Amino acid sequence: MNNTMNPRQRNFVVGLIVIGLMIIGFFGLRTVRAFRQFHGHRPPPPFNGEKMETDVDLIRDWMTLPYISITYRLPPNLLYETLKIRPKGNERKSIKELNDEYYPEAPGTVLELVKTAIRAHQPPATVAPPDTAVPAETAVPQVEP
């Protein structure tokens, strides 16, 4: 049995391998680029008719400060000023990562400071007026048969 390959056949196989590696590299780089662009997306801004979120107990430690600012309709730098940190370099860090970096000795501090700042910045709750009875003069009279 002859284990040697025809040189023409060997060149063909090597060419196919090289072409395959180029295709893998091309689509791999496109995937990495698309992932980076996707990672940069933020949640859409609330629509004008959409009800503003007011329940601060929904905030979790995986959320970022820009995400919370958009969701609770806060000025962009309010939370950074509350935490006394600069926005540059911290906009993609979660609350947990910020807590680990700036308050490592006190777990949950950043989460509580963020909740307190949001509560202080929310507009006062409005009470719906109670239902009132129709005044007698405007009521439709009952006709007896």
Protein backbone atom coordinates (compact mmCIF):
# COMPACT_ATOMS: atom_id res chain seq x y z
CA MET A 1 0.00 0.00 0.00
CA ASN A 2 1.38 3.37 -1.00
CA ASN A 3 1.06 6.06 1.72
CA THR A 4 2.46 8.86 -0.40
CA MET A 5 0.03 11.34 -1.85
CA ASN A 6 0.15 12.74 -5.31
CA PRO A 7 1.69 16.28 -5.07
CA ARG A 8 -1.23 17.73 -6.99
CA GLN A 9 -3.69 16.09 -4.62
CA ARG A 10 -1.69 17.28 -1.57
CA ASN A 11 -1.70 20.89 -2.88
CA PHE A 12 -5.46 20.64 -3.41
CA VAL A 13 -6.04 19.46 0.19
CA VAL A 14 -3.74 22.15 1.62
CA GLY A 15 -5.57 24.76 -0.48
CA LEU A 16 -8.95 23.60 0.84
CA ILE A 17 -7.66 23.78 4.43
CA VAL A 18 -6.31 27.31 3.88
CA ILE A 19 -9.59 28.46 2.31
CA GLY A 20 -11.51 26.89 5.19
CA LEU A 21 -9.34 28.69 7.75
CA MET A 22 -9.85 32.00 5.92
CA ILE A 23 -13.62 31.52 5.97
CA ILE A 24 -13.54 30.67 9.67
CA GLY A 25 -11.39 33.74 10.38
CA PHE A 26 -13.64 36.04 8.34
CA PHE A 27 -16.88 34.97 10.00
CA GLY A 28 -15.22 34.75 13.42
CA LEU A 29 -14.10 38.37 13.21
CA ARG A 30 -17.57 39.43 12.07
CA THR A 31 -19.08 37.63 15.05
CA VAL A 32 -16.72 39.33 17.49
CA ARG A 33 -17.49 42.75 15.96
CA ALA A 34 -21.25 42.13 16.12
CA PHE A 35 -20.99 41.02 19.76
CA ARG A 36 -19.14 44.21 20.69
CA GLN A 37 -21.79 46.35 19.00
CA PHE A 38 -24.58 44.41 20.69
CA HIS A 39 -22.93 44.83 24.09
CA GLY A 40 -23.03 48.59 23.65
CA HIS A 41 -26.79 48.78 23.26
CA ARG A 42 -28.82 50.30 26.04
CA PRO A 43 -32.48 49.78 26.83
CA PRO A 44 -34.82 51.91 24.75
CA PRO A 45 -35.98 55.15 26.34
CA PRO A 46 -39.45 55.04 27.83
CA PHE A 47 -42.21 56.11 25.52
CA ASN A 48 -44.15 59.25 26.33
CA GLY A 49 -47.30 57.32 27.13
CA GLU A 50 -45.49 54.69 29.18
CA LYS A 51 -45.88 54.75 32.94
CA MET A 52 -42.71 55.68 34.82
CA GLU A 53 -41.22 52.95 37.01
CA THR A 54 -41.35 53.90 40.70
CA ASP A 55 -40.77 50.64 42.58
CA VAL A 56 -37.13 50.76 43.72
CA ASP A 57 -37.38 47.24 45.11
CA LEU A 58 -37.12 45.99 41.52
CA ILE A 59 -33.50 47.20 41.31
CA ARG A 60 -30.98 44.34 41.29
CA ASP A 61 -27.21 44.31 41.67
CA TRP A 62 -26.61 43.22 38.04
CA MET A 63 -28.03 46.51 36.72
CA THR A 64 -25.82 49.38 35.56
CA LEU A 65 -26.29 53.00 36.58
CA PRO A 66 -27.19 54.20 33.04
CA TYR A 67 -29.83 51.45 32.80
CA ILE A 68 -31.33 52.53 36.13
CA SER A 69 -31.22 56.22 35.11
CA ILE A 70 -33.20 55.50 31.95
CA THR A 71 -35.68 53.18 33.63
CA TYR A 72 -36.45 55.56 36.49
CA ARG A 73 -36.12 58.71 34.32
CA LEU A 74 -33.32 60.28 36.33
CA PRO A 75 -30.74 62.84 35.26
CA PRO A 76 -27.75 60.89 33.90
CA ASN A 77 -25.19 62.01 36.50
CA LEU A 78 -27.45 61.94 39.58
CA LEU A 79 -26.45 58.41 40.64
CA TYR A 80 -22.74 59.02 40.02
CA GLU A 81 -22.91 62.16 42.16
CA THR A 82 -24.74 60.26 44.89
CA LEU A 83 -22.03 57.58 44.94
CA LYS A 84 -19.24 60.19 44.58
CA ILE A 85 -17.69 58.36 41.63
CA ARG A 86 -16.92 59.53 38.11
CA PRO A 87 -18.98 58.23 35.19
CA LYS A 88 -16.01 57.64 32.88
CA GLY A 89 -14.98 54.01 33.15
CA ASN A 90 -17.91 53.06 35.39
CA GLU A 91 -20.81 53.23 32.93
CA ARG A 92 -20.66 49.52 32.09
CA LYS A 93 -20.07 48.25 35.61
CA SER A 94 -22.92 46.67 37.51
CA ILE A 95 -23.96 47.82 40.96
CA LYS A 96 -22.22 44.77 42.41
CA GLU A 97 -18.96 45.57 40.60
CA LEU A 98 -19.12 49.19 41.76
CA ASN A 99 -19.75 48.04 45.33
CA ASP A 100 -16.81 45.62 45.19
CA GLU A 101 -14.54 48.36 43.84
CA TYR A 102 -15.57 51.39 45.94
CA TYR A 103 -17.14 49.86 49.09
CA PRO A 104 -15.55 46.40 49.52
CA GLU A 105 -16.02 46.40 53.30
CA ALA A 106 -19.77 47.11 53.14
CA PRO A 107 -21.75 44.80 50.83
CA GLY A 108 -25.00 46.26 49.49
CA THR A 109 -24.01 49.88 50.14
CA VAL A 110 -24.22 50.98 46.50
CA LEU A 111 -27.62 49.33 46.05
CA GLU A 112 -29.04 51.10 49.12
CA LEU A 113 -27.54 54.47 48.12
CA VAL A 114 -29.05 54.14 44.64
CA LYS A 115 -32.48 53.25 46.05
CA THR A 116 -32.32 56.20 48.47
CA ALA A 117 -31.35 58.62 45.70
CA ILE A 118 -34.20 57.42 43.49
CA ARG A 119 -36.75 57.72 46.32
CA ALA A 120 -35.55 61.28 47.02
CA HIS A 121 -35.80 62.25 43.35
CA GLN A 122 -39.23 60.75 42.62
CA PRO A 123 -42.19 63.09 42.41
CA PRO A 124 -44.66 62.86 45.30
CA ALA A 125 -47.37 60.28 44.88
CA THR A 126 -50.68 61.65 43.68
CA VAL A 127 -53.85 60.42 45.26
CA ALA A 128 -56.75 59.71 42.95
CA PRO A 129 -59.85 61.67 43.91
CA PRO A 130 -62.57 59.51 45.45
CA ASP A 131 -65.63 58.67 43.41
CA THR A 132 -68.42 61.12 44.12
CA ALA A 133 -72.13 60.58 43.95
CA VAL A 134 -74.07 62.35 41.23
CA PRO A 135 -75.79 65.45 42.65
CA ALA A 136 -79.57 65.15 42.87
CA GLU A 137 -80.22 68.09 40.53
CA THR A 138 -78.29 66.44 37.68
CA ALA A 139 -79.65 62.94 38.20
CA VAL A 140 -82.09 61.62 35.57
CA PRO A 141 -85.58 61.44 37.08
CA GLN A 142 -87.21 58.03 37.26
CA VAL A 143 -90.44 57.79 35.27
CA GLU A 144 -93.11 55.55 36.76
CA PRO A 145 -95.31 53.61 34.30
